[in-house]
C-alpha atoms as a PDB file:
ATOM      1  CA  UNK A   1      -9.361  -8.393 -14.983  1.00  0.00           C
ATOM      2  CA  UNK A   2      -5.719  -7.659 -14.402  1.00  0.00           C
ATOM      3  CA  UNK A   3      -4.160  -7.831 -10.954  1.00  0.00           C
ATOM      4  CA  UNK A   4      -1.534  -5.510  -9.666  1.00  0.00           C
ATOM      5  CA  UNK A   5       0.425  -5.569  -6.157  1.00  0.00           C
ATOM      6  CA  UNK A   6       0.922  -2.320  -4.460  1.00  0.00           C
ATOM      7  CA  UNK A   7       2.893  -1.677  -1.293  1.00  0.00           C
ATOM      8  CA  UNK A   8       3.661   1.388   0.866  1.00  0.00           C
ATOM      9  CA  UNK A   9       7.447   0.930   0.158  1.00  0.00           C
ATOM     10  CA  UNK A  10       9.639   0.897  -3.059  1.00  0.00           C
ATOM     11  CA  UNK A  11       9.087  -2.370  -4.789  1.00  0.00           C
ATOM     12  CA  UNK A  12      11.916  -4.840  -4.303  1.00  0.00           C
ATOM     13  CA  UNK A  13      14.404  -5.576  -7.075  1.00  0.00           C
ATOM     14  CA  UNK A  14      17.639  -7.307  -6.040  1.00  0.00           C
ATOM     15  CA  UNK A  15      17.414  -6.414  -2.189  1.00  0.00           C
ATOM     16  CA  UNK A  16      14.853  -6.917   0.411  1.00  0.00           C
ATOM     17  CA  UNK A  17      11.751  -4.323   0.726  1.00  0.00           C
ATOM     18  CA  UNK A  18      12.774  -1.432   3.181  1.00  0.00           C
ATOM     19  CA  UNK A  19       9.887  -1.009   5.531  1.00  0.00           C
ATOM     20  CA  UNK A  20       8.221   2.319   6.137  1.00  0.00           C
ATOM     21  CA  UNK A  21       8.591   4.157   9.359  1.00  0.00           C
ATOM     22  CA  UNK A  22       5.571   4.241  11.668  1.00  0.00           C
ATOM     23  CA  UNK A  23       4.978   6.479  14.486  1.00  0.00           C
ATOM     24  CA  UNK A  24       2.384   7.244  17.215  1.00  0.00           C
ATOM     25  CA  UNK A  25       0.493   9.731  15.211  1.00  0.00           C
ATOM     26  CA  UNK A  26      -2.547   8.995  12.547  1.00  0.00           C
ATOM     27  CA  UNK A  27      -0.797   8.272   9.422  1.00  0.00           C
ATOM     28  CA  UNK A  28      -1.627   7.501   5.747  1.00  0.00           C
ATOM     29  CA  UNK A  29       0.556   4.794   4.403  1.00  0.00           C
ATOM     30  CA  UNK A  30      -0.824   4.183   1.117  1.00  0.00           C
ATOM     31  CA  UNK A  31      -3.548   5.829  -0.908  1.00  0.00           C
ATOM     32  CA  UNK A  32      -4.525   4.845  -4.434  1.00  0.00           C
ATOM     33  CA  UNK A  33      -6.490   6.453  -7.015  1.00  0.00           C
ATOM     34  CA  UNK A  34      -6.983   5.126 -10.510  1.00  0.00           C
ATOM     35  CA  UNK A  35      -6.828   7.192 -13.765  1.00  0.00           C
ATOM     36  CA  UNK A  36     -10.273   8.939 -14.672  1.00  0.00           C
ATOM     37  CA  UNK A  37     -12.225   6.410 -16.468  1.00  0.00           C
ATOM     38  CA  UNK A  38     -10.924   3.425 -14.912  1.00  0.00           C
ATOM     39  CA  UNK A  39     -12.076   1.666 -11.394  1.00  0.00           C
ATOM     40  CA  UNK A  40     -10.191  -0.231  -8.657  1.00  0.00           C
ATOM     41  CA  UNK A  41     -11.120  -3.099  -6.739  1.00  0.00           C
ATOM     42  CA  UNK A  42      -9.385  -4.255  -3.850  1.00  0.00           C
ATOM     43  CA  UNK A  43      -9.148  -7.958  -3.929  1.00  0.00           C
ATOM     44  CA  UNK A  44      -7.032  -8.707  -0.855  1.00  0.00           C
ATOM     45  CA  UNK A  45      -4.869  -6.473   1.788  1.00  0.00           C
ATOM     46  CA  UNK A  46      -2.841  -7.156   4.508  1.00  0.00           C
ATOM     47  CA  UNK A  47      -0.547  -5.482   7.319  1.00  0.00           C
ATOM     48  CA  UNK A  48       2.703  -6.488   8.695  1.00  0.00           C
ATOM     49  CA  UNK A  49       4.683  -5.032  11.482  1.00  0.00           C
ATOM     50  CA  UNK A  50       8.428  -5.325  11.478  1.00  0.00           C
ATOM     51  CA  UNK A  51       8.632  -5.300  15.263  1.00  0.00           C
ATOM     52  CA  UNK A  52       6.538  -6.429  18.109  1.00  0.00           C
ATOM     53  CA  UNK A  53       4.042  -3.861  19.109  1.00  0.00           C
ATOM     54  CA  UNK A  54       4.251  -2.259  22.399  1.00  0.00           C
ATOM     55  CA  UNK A  55       0.682  -0.561  22.481  1.00  0.00           C
ATOM     56  CA  UNK A  56      -2.507  -1.503  20.493  1.00  0.00           C
ATOM     57  CA  UNK A  57      -2.525  -0.479  16.909  1.00  0.00           C
ATOM     58  CA  UNK A  58      -5.559   0.327  14.721  1.00  0.00           C
ATOM     59  CA  UNK A  59      -5.322  -0.494  11.068  1.00  0.00           C
ATOM     60  CA  UNK A  60      -8.038   0.465   8.843  1.00  0.00           C
ATOM     61  CA  UNK A  61      -8.988   0.043   4.991  1.00  0.00           C
ATOM     62  CA  UNK A  62     -11.114   2.937   4.081  1.00  0.00           C
ATOM     63  CA  UNK A  63     -12.511   4.464   1.041  1.00  0.00           C
ATOM     64  CA  UNK A  64     -12.693   8.243   0.489  1.00  0.00           C
ATOM     65  CA  UNK A  65     -12.814  10.970  -1.752  1.00  0.00           C
ATOM     66  CA  UNK A  66     -10.590  13.170   0.289  1.00  0.00           C
ATOM     67  CA  UNK A  67      -6.820  13.011  -0.688  1.00  0.00           C
ATOM     68  CA  UNK A  68      -4.309  12.874   1.851  1.00  0.00           C
ATOM     69  CA  UNK A  69      -0.964  14.528   1.635  1.00  0.00           C
ATOM     70  CA  UNK A  70       1.462  11.676   0.431  1.00  0.00           C
ATOM     71  CA  UNK A  71       3.907  11.046  -2.275  1.00  0.00           C
ATOM     72  CA  UNK A  72       2.527   9.810  -5.392  1.00  0.00           C
ATOM     73  CA  UNK A  73       3.188   6.329  -6.560  1.00  0.00           C
ATOM     74  CA  UNK A  74       5.281   5.957  -9.879  1.00  0.00           C
ATOM     75  CA  UNK A  75       4.746   3.286 -12.362  1.00  0.00           C
ATOM     76  CA  UNK A  76       7.581   1.264 -10.764  1.00  0.00           C
ATOM     77  CA  UNK A  77       5.618   1.360  -7.444  1.00  0.00           C
ATOM     78  CA  UNK A  78       2.920  -1.035  -8.557  1.00  0.00           C
ATOM     79  CA  UNK A  79       3.488  -4.365  -9.964  1.00  0.00           C
ATOM     80  CA  UNK A  80       1.579  -6.797 -12.209  1.00  0.00           C
ATOM     81  CA  UNK A  81       0.747  -9.695 -10.101  1.00  0.00           C
ATOM     82  CA  UNK A  82       0.830 -13.085 -11.734  1.00  0.00           C
ATOM     83  CA  UNK A  83      -0.518 -15.974  -9.606  1.00  0.00           C
ATOM     84  CA  UNK A  84       1.592 -19.236  -9.784  1.00  0.00           C
ATOM     85  CA  UNK A  85      -0.083 -22.350 -11.113  1.00  0.00           C
END
C-alpha cells in the first residue's frame, strides 16, 4: 500500500507552507476523490489552527458522494509519504 500526504494548501518546497484562510461560515477545506477503479483509505488526519480560536470550532472528517465547489488538487498537491526508519 502506498501512503500519500495531502494538505489544504500548496505543498511546501523551499518555504514554509502558507495556511488557508478560514472564516465564520461552513467551509470545505479539502476534498479527495481517487480516480475511477482506485480506492482511498484515510490512515490519519489532523487539524491545526494558526491563531488562537476566539470561539468554538467544529472540525469534521466525513465521507460523502456529493462534491463541493472547490479547487481541484494537482499532482504536486499530493506528496508521497515515506516514514523515517
